[in-house]
Amino acid sequence: MTPSQPIKPAAESGLEAARARIARQRAHPPGQDKARAAAFGPSGPRIFRRGPWELLATVLIGLGVVMLMQPFALALFTYSFVTILTGTVMFIVVSHFPE
């Protein structure tokens, strides 16, 4: 402490500490963190989770293989490679998402 500041009694410093703690609790209520964690999770929004996107990429790859091997429609055969390639690239990107 500098000489220009008066020395506070012990009861007054405890009161200031309590006021500071109450101000911190008002600024960041305890339940607010849980609500945010439910919507976003610990590592980002819930929409960027690995499981559902990997499933979609796997389904795209399987659909592309079925399109490649069917003998009925030439248009499906034509777009089968693009479908397989899209699913493969999507799987590579999605494998870097958090779980």
C-alpha atoms as a PDB file:
ATOM      1  CA  MET A   1       0.000   0.000   0.000  1.00  0.00           C
ATOM      2  CA  THR A   2       1.103   3.496  -0.619  1.00  0.00           C
ATOM      3  CA  PRO A   3       1.159   6.049   2.190  1.00  0.00           C
ATOM      4  CA  SER A   4      -1.695   8.028   0.587  1.00  0.00           C
ATOM      5  CA  GLN A   5      -4.178   5.119   0.890  1.00  0.00           C
ATOM      6  CA  PRO A   6      -5.836   4.652   4.245  1.00  0.00           C
ATOM      7  CA  ILE A   7      -5.608   1.243   5.880  1.00  0.00           C
ATOM      8  CA  LYS A   8      -8.991  -0.493   5.917  1.00  0.00           C
ATOM      9  CA  PRO A   9     -10.179  -2.475   8.900  1.00  0.00           C
ATOM     10  CA  ALA A  10     -10.495  -6.250   8.443  1.00  0.00           C
ATOM     11  CA  ALA A  11     -14.324  -6.212   8.487  1.00  0.00           C
ATOM     12  CA  GLU A  12     -14.499  -3.644   5.704  1.00  0.00           C
ATOM     13  CA  SER A  13     -12.108  -5.588   3.436  1.00  0.00           C
ATOM     14  CA  GLY A  14     -14.258  -8.729   3.906  1.00  0.00           C
ATOM     15  CA  LEU A  15     -17.314  -6.722   2.903  1.00  0.00           C
ATOM     16  CA  GLU A  16     -15.558  -5.542  -0.258  1.00  0.00           C
ATOM     17  CA  ALA A  17     -14.564  -9.104  -1.117  1.00  0.00           C
ATOM     18  CA  ALA A  18     -18.171 -10.246  -0.701  1.00  0.00           C
ATOM     19  CA  ARG A  19     -19.416  -7.413  -2.918  1.00  0.00           C
ATOM     20  CA  ALA A  20     -16.872  -8.330  -5.599  1.00  0.00           C
ATOM     21  CA  ARG A  21     -17.923 -12.005  -5.446  1.00  0.00           C
ATOM     22  CA  ILE A  22     -21.606 -11.060  -5.794  1.00  0.00           C
ATOM     23  CA  ALA A  23     -20.800  -8.816  -8.756  1.00  0.00           C
ATOM     24  CA  ARG A  24     -18.940 -11.691 -10.473  1.00  0.00           C
ATOM     25  CA  GLN A  25     -21.870 -14.055  -9.880  1.00  0.00           C
ATOM     26  CA  ARG A  26     -24.316 -11.534 -11.326  1.00  0.00           C
ATOM     27  CA  ALA A  27     -22.162 -11.093 -14.425  1.00  0.00           C
ATOM     28  CA  HIS A  28     -21.811 -14.876 -14.974  1.00  0.00           C
ATOM     29  CA  PRO A  29     -24.659 -16.847 -13.355  1.00  0.00           C
ATOM     30  CA  PRO A  30     -23.806 -20.503 -12.591  1.00  0.00           C
ATOM     31  CA  GLY A  31     -26.657 -21.983 -14.704  1.00  0.00           C
ATOM     32  CA  GLN A  32     -25.668 -19.991 -17.781  1.00  0.00           C
ATOM     33  CA  ASP A  33     -22.624 -22.177 -18.466  1.00  0.00           C
ATOM     34  CA  LYS A  34     -24.733 -25.357 -18.413  1.00  0.00           C
ATOM     35  CA  ALA A  35     -27.244 -23.916 -20.884  1.00  0.00           C
ATOM     36  CA  ARG A  36     -24.438 -22.966 -23.262  1.00  0.00           C
ATOM     37  CA  ALA A  37     -22.780 -26.386 -22.891  1.00  0.00           C
ATOM     38  CA  ALA A  38     -26.084 -28.097 -23.729  1.00  0.00           C
ATOM     39  CA  ALA A  39     -26.428 -26.107 -26.952  1.00  0.00           C
ATOM     40  CA  PHE A  40     -22.799 -26.004 -28.026  1.00  0.00           C
ATOM     41  CA  GLY A  41     -20.925 -28.719 -26.187  1.00  0.00           C
ATOM     42  CA  PRO A  42     -17.386 -28.380 -24.892  1.00  0.00           C
ATOM     43  CA  SER A  43     -15.809 -27.949 -28.319  1.00  0.00           C
ATOM     44  CA  GLY A  44     -18.257 -26.115 -30.538  1.00  0.00           C
ATOM     45  CA  PRO A  45     -21.773 -26.227 -31.907  1.00  0.00           C
ATOM     46  CA  ARG A  46     -23.562 -29.545 -31.796  1.00  0.00           C
ATOM     47  CA  ILE A  47     -24.134 -29.564 -35.581  1.00  0.00           C
ATOM     48  CA  PHE A  48     -20.434 -30.225 -36.240  1.00  0.00           C
ATOM     49  CA  ARG A  49     -20.290 -33.645 -34.592  1.00  0.00           C
ATOM     50  CA  ARG A  50     -18.518 -36.499 -36.315  1.00  0.00           C
ATOM     51  CA  GLY A  51     -21.071 -39.315 -35.999  1.00  0.00           C
ATOM     52  CA  PRO A  52     -23.997 -38.139 -38.154  1.00  0.00           C
ATOM     53  CA  TRP A  53     -21.761 -36.636 -40.847  1.00  0.00           C
ATOM     54  CA  GLU A  54     -19.649 -39.797 -41.137  1.00  0.00           C
ATOM     55  CA  LEU A  55     -22.847 -41.784 -41.529  1.00  0.00           C
ATOM     56  CA  LEU A  56     -24.019 -39.471 -44.328  1.00  0.00           C
ATOM     57  CA  ALA A  57     -20.649 -39.699 -46.100  1.00  0.00           C
ATOM     58  CA  THR A  58     -20.726 -43.512 -45.851  1.00  0.00           C
ATOM     59  CA  VAL A  59     -24.253 -43.602 -47.261  1.00  0.00           C
ATOM     60  CA  LEU A  60     -23.139 -41.380 -50.162  1.00  0.00           C
ATOM     61  CA  ILE A  61     -20.260 -43.727 -50.951  1.00  0.00           C
ATOM     62  CA  GLY A  62     -22.587 -46.747 -50.831  1.00  0.00           C
ATOM     63  CA  LEU A  63     -25.138 -44.988 -53.034  1.00  0.00           C
ATOM     64  CA  GLY A  64     -22.411 -44.205 -55.548  1.00  0.00           C
ATOM     65  CA  VAL A  65     -21.339 -47.863 -55.672  1.00  0.00           C
ATOM     66  CA  VAL A  66     -24.950 -48.965 -56.211  1.00  0.00           C
ATOM     67  CA  MET A  67     -25.304 -46.370 -58.973  1.00  0.00           C
ATOM     68  CA  LEU A  68     -22.121 -47.692 -60.565  1.00  0.00           C
ATOM     69  CA  MET A  69     -23.249 -51.326 -60.616  1.00  0.00           C
ATOM     70  CA  GLN A  70     -26.898 -50.963 -61.691  1.00  0.00           C
ATOM     71  CA  PRO A  71     -27.641 -51.870 -65.354  1.00  0.00           C
ATOM     72  CA  PHE A  72     -30.827 -49.828 -65.942  1.00  0.00           C
ATOM     73  CA  ALA A  73     -30.160 -46.059 -66.108  1.00  0.00           C
ATOM     74  CA  LEU A  74     -27.210 -44.515 -67.890  1.00  0.00           C
ATOM     75  CA  ALA A  75     -27.655 -41.207 -65.994  1.00  0.00           C
ATOM     76  CA  LEU A  76     -27.138 -42.954 -62.641  1.00  0.00           C
ATOM     77  CA  PHE A  77     -24.020 -44.658 -63.987  1.00  0.00           C
ATOM     78  CA  THR A  78     -22.769 -41.291 -65.274  1.00  0.00           C
ATOM     79  CA  TYR A  79     -23.026 -39.574 -61.905  1.00  0.00           C
ATOM     80  CA  SER A  80     -21.813 -42.516 -59.826  1.00  0.00           C
ATOM     81  CA  PHE A  81     -18.160 -41.444 -59.872  1.00  0.00           C
ATOM     82  CA  VAL A  82     -19.032 -37.915 -58.758  1.00  0.00           C
ATOM     83  CA  THR A  83     -21.180 -39.340 -55.940  1.00  0.00           C
ATOM     84  CA  ILE A  84     -18.409 -41.667 -54.736  1.00  0.00           C
ATOM     85  CA  LEU A  85     -15.843 -38.868 -54.931  1.00  0.00           C
ATOM     86  CA  THR A  86     -18.106 -36.466 -53.000  1.00  0.00           C
ATOM     87  CA  GLY A  87     -18.687 -39.050 -50.277  1.00  0.00           C
ATOM     88  CA  THR A  88     -14.972 -39.813 -50.003  1.00  0.00           C
ATOM     89  CA  VAL A  89     -13.921 -36.164 -49.743  1.00  0.00           C
ATOM     90  CA  MET A  90     -16.731 -35.540 -47.275  1.00  0.00           C
ATOM     91  CA  PHE A  91     -15.566 -38.476 -45.146  1.00  0.00           C
ATOM     92  CA  ILE A  92     -12.000 -37.131 -45.091  1.00  0.00           C
ATOM     93  CA  VAL A  93     -13.176 -33.659 -44.010  1.00  0.00           C
ATOM     94  CA  VAL A  94     -15.653 -34.973 -41.434  1.00  0.00           C
ATOM     95  CA  SER A  95     -13.055 -37.228 -39.836  1.00  0.00           C
ATOM     96  CA  HIS A  96     -11.478 -34.041 -38.441  1.00  0.00           C
ATOM     97  CA  PHE A  97     -14.688 -32.950 -36.653  1.00  0.00           C
ATOM     98  CA  PRO A  98     -14.867 -33.372 -32.858  1.00  0.00           C
ATOM     99  CA  GLU A  99     -16.706 -36.424 -31.506  1.00  0.00           C
END
